[in-house]
Amino acid sequence: MASDALDDDEWDEQQPDLGGGEWDDEGELVEVANSEQVDDEDEAADEDDDVDEADDDENTVIARTRMLVDRRAAEITAKAALEAVDTDWAPAVEVDIAEGIAAHGPPGTKLVSARCRTTVCITEIELPPDSGSAMQMSWLAAAGLRRGFLVHGRGESGAGDRTVAYLAREGYSLP
């Protein structure tokens, strides 16, 4: 009885050459590992893109917020510049603001200026370096007024931060 089975050498000779090298288990594993590594690198690059996009989004939000804050501060400043000084109200409120900040501000807080008109006061306050407590106090209460718009800014290296308080007279609101 003759066997129709081919031995390995005969089988290899009868297979068509499909181009490319022979595949062995190790070669296949290397290819899979390389493709997974490439996939991992692609995913990491995509994640980096997501982080970059998130940074861009955050930077866009920060820039837009800064623009809105600057615009509002400019509107209030322009309105204040058009007002006359109410001599019965403004000087007394400027003193109240100075005393309130001295009494309630963190140690080292300095009133740079307080300019009151008829319906609005613009006050600039310099905070001591590293004064985290300054962000937790009520500047409106310290100034003795209920309505206001506060703009906090970082000082230069070694200098304290600054806060500009736009304060509305009782019975009035800011633009």
Protein backbone atom coordinates (compact mmCIF):
# COMPACT_ATOMS: atom_id res chain seq x y z
CA MET A 1 0.00 0.00 0.00
CA ALA A 2 1.47 3.18 -1.13
CA SER A 3 1.02 6.31 0.89
CA ASP A 4 -0.31 9.44 -0.78
CA ALA A 5 1.01 11.60 2.03
CA LEU A 6 3.78 14.06 1.21
CA ASP A 7 6.76 14.41 3.39
CA ASP A 8 7.72 17.92 4.54
CA ASP A 9 10.29 18.48 1.81
CA GLU A 10 7.87 17.55 -0.95
CA TRP A 11 5.10 19.72 0.58
CA ASP A 12 7.40 22.80 0.75
CA GLU A 13 8.40 22.34 -2.87
CA GLN A 14 4.79 22.27 -4.02
CA GLN A 15 3.76 25.49 -2.24
CA PRO A 16 3.79 28.54 -4.48
CA ASP A 17 6.17 31.37 -3.58
CA LEU A 18 3.93 34.18 -2.40
CA GLY A 19 6.81 36.59 -1.99
CA GLY A 20 8.24 37.52 1.33
CA GLY A 21 10.10 35.50 3.83
CA GLU A 22 9.02 32.43 5.62
CA TRP A 23 7.06 32.98 8.81
CA ASP A 24 8.05 31.25 11.94
CA ASP A 25 6.46 31.62 15.33
CA GLU A 26 9.14 34.01 16.56
CA GLY A 27 8.94 36.21 13.47
CA GLU A 28 5.21 36.42 13.75
CA LEU A 29 5.43 37.35 17.42
CA VAL A 30 7.98 40.04 16.62
CA GLU A 31 5.71 41.46 13.94
CA VAL A 32 2.74 41.46 16.31
CA ALA A 33 4.82 43.05 19.05
CA ASN A 34 6.06 45.70 16.65
CA SER A 35 2.57 46.46 15.39
CA GLU A 36 1.31 46.70 18.98
CA GLN A 37 4.18 49.01 19.83
CA VAL A 38 3.33 51.17 16.82
CA ASP A 39 -0.33 51.14 17.89
CA ASP A 40 0.71 52.13 21.42
CA GLU A 41 2.87 54.93 20.03
CA ASP A 42 -0.02 56.11 17.83
CA GLU A 43 -2.37 56.05 20.83
CA ALA A 44 0.18 57.96 22.91
CA ALA A 45 0.51 60.54 20.14
CA ASP A 46 -3.29 60.82 20.00
CA GLU A 47 -3.39 61.29 23.78
CA ASP A 48 -0.71 63.98 23.47
CA ASP A 49 -2.89 65.67 20.85
CA ASP A 50 -5.81 65.50 23.28
CA VAL A 51 -3.65 67.06 26.01
CA ASP A 52 -2.48 69.75 23.57
CA GLU A 53 -6.09 70.41 22.57
CA ALA A 54 -7.09 70.57 26.25
CA ASP A 55 -4.23 73.01 26.88
CA ASP A 56 -5.35 75.03 23.87
CA ASP A 57 -8.92 74.98 25.16
CA GLU A 58 -7.78 76.04 28.63
CA ASN A 59 -5.57 78.76 27.18
CA THR A 60 -8.46 79.94 25.01
CA VAL A 61 -10.75 80.11 28.03
CA ILE A 62 -8.12 81.99 30.04
CA ALA A 63 -7.53 84.45 27.19
CA ARG A 64 -11.27 85.01 26.69
CA THR A 65 -11.86 85.48 30.42
CA ARG A 66 -8.97 87.93 30.60
CA MET A 67 -10.42 89.86 27.66
CA LEU A 68 -13.86 90.05 29.31
CA VAL A 69 -12.36 91.15 32.65
CA ASP A 70 -10.25 93.81 30.94
CA ARG A 71 -13.28 95.06 28.98
CA ARG A 72 -15.44 95.28 32.10
CA ALA A 73 -12.70 97.07 34.05
CA ALA A 74 -12.28 99.54 31.17
CA GLU A 75 -16.05 100.21 31.08
CA ILE A 76 -16.17 100.89 34.81
CA THR A 77 -13.06 103.08 34.66
CA ALA A 78 -14.52 105.07 31.73
CA LYS A 79 -17.81 105.57 33.59
CA ALA A 80 -15.96 106.70 36.72
CA ALA A 81 -13.89 109.17 34.69
CA LEU A 82 -17.09 110.85 33.50
CA GLU A 83 -18.50 111.26 37.01
CA ALA A 84 -18.01 114.29 39.16
CA VAL A 85 -16.75 113.80 42.70
CA ASP A 86 -19.56 113.82 45.26
CA THR A 87 -17.75 115.82 47.94
CA ASP A 88 -20.30 114.82 50.59
CA TRP A 89 -19.77 111.11 49.99
CA ALA A 90 -16.44 110.31 48.25
CA PRO A 91 -13.84 111.59 50.79
CA ALA A 92 -15.57 109.86 53.73
CA VAL A 93 -15.82 106.57 51.83
CA GLU A 94 -12.14 106.75 50.83
CA VAL A 95 -11.24 107.03 54.53
CA ASP A 96 -13.61 104.14 55.39
CA ILE A 97 -11.98 101.98 52.70
CA ALA A 98 -8.47 102.77 53.99
CA GLU A 99 -9.45 102.02 57.59
CA GLY A 100 -11.34 98.84 56.66
CA ILE A 101 -8.45 97.42 54.67
CA ALA A 102 -5.96 98.32 57.42
CA ALA A 103 -8.17 96.64 60.03
CA HIS A 104 -9.27 93.54 58.09
CA GLY A 105 -6.60 92.93 55.45
CA PRO A 106 -3.78 90.45 55.96
CA PRO A 107 -0.68 91.88 57.66
CA GLY A 108 1.42 93.76 55.12
CA THR A 109 -1.53 94.75 52.93
CA LYS A 110 -1.07 98.21 51.47
CA LEU A 111 -3.72 100.51 50.05
CA VAL A 112 -2.15 101.95 46.90
CA SER A 113 -5.07 104.20 46.00
CA ALA A 114 -8.75 104.77 46.61
CA ARG A 115 -10.55 107.14 44.24
CA CYS A 116 -14.25 107.63 44.72
CA ARG A 117 -16.55 109.69 42.50
CA THR A 118 -20.34 109.87 42.71
CA THR A 119 -21.45 106.23 42.31
CA VAL A 120 -18.22 104.25 42.07
CA CYS A 121 -14.86 103.85 43.81
CA ILE A 122 -11.77 102.32 42.27
CA THR A 123 -9.37 100.96 44.86
CA GLU A 124 -5.98 99.38 44.28
CA ILE A 125 -4.57 97.12 46.98
CA GLU A 126 -1.11 95.57 47.14
CA LEU A 127 -0.94 92.26 48.96
CA PRO A 128 2.11 90.90 50.74
CA PRO A 129 3.96 88.11 48.92
CA ASP A 130 2.53 84.64 49.57
CA SER A 131 -0.64 85.97 51.21
CA GLY A 132 -3.00 83.09 50.55
CA SER A 133 -5.38 84.41 53.21
CA ALA A 134 -6.05 87.48 51.06
CA MET A 135 -8.10 85.37 48.67
CA GLN A 136 -10.30 84.15 51.52
CA MET A 137 -11.33 87.48 52.96
CA SER A 138 -14.23 89.67 51.93
CA TRP A 139 -12.73 92.76 50.34
CA LEU A 140 -16.21 94.24 49.92
CA ALA A 141 -16.87 93.98 53.65
CA ALA A 142 -13.43 95.41 54.42
CA ALA A 143 -14.20 98.35 52.12
CA GLY A 144 -17.61 98.81 53.73
CA LEU A 145 -19.55 98.36 50.48
CA ARG A 146 -21.81 95.57 49.25
CA ARG A 147 -21.33 95.56 45.49
CA GLY A 148 -18.14 95.30 43.58
CA PHE A 149 -16.02 93.74 40.91
CA LEU A 150 -12.58 92.54 41.99
CA VAL A 151 -9.66 91.87 39.69
CA HIS A 152 -6.73 89.98 41.18
CA GLY A 153 -3.37 90.08 39.45
CA ARG A 154 -0.03 88.44 40.11
CA GLY A 155 2.83 90.71 41.02
CA GLU A 156 6.27 90.35 39.54
CA SER A 157 8.72 87.95 41.13
CA GLY A 158 9.16 88.83 44.80
CA ALA A 159 6.47 91.51 44.68
CA GLY A 160 3.05 91.10 46.18
CA ASP A 161 -0.09 90.49 44.18
CA ARG A 162 -2.45 93.34 43.41
CA THR A 163 -6.19 93.59 43.60
CA VAL A 164 -8.19 96.33 41.95
CA ALA A 165 -11.63 96.68 43.52
CA TYR A 166 -14.34 98.44 41.54
CA LEU A 167 -16.93 99.29 44.19
CA ALA A 168 -20.48 100.58 43.72
CA ARG A 169 -22.10 103.09 46.03
CA GLU A 170 -25.06 101.79 48.02
CA GLY A 171 -28.17 101.95 45.81
CA TYR A 172 -26.15 101.84 42.57
CA SER A 173 -24.68 99.07 40.46
CA LEU A 174 -21.61 98.82 38.30
CA PRO A 175 -21.97 98.99 34.52
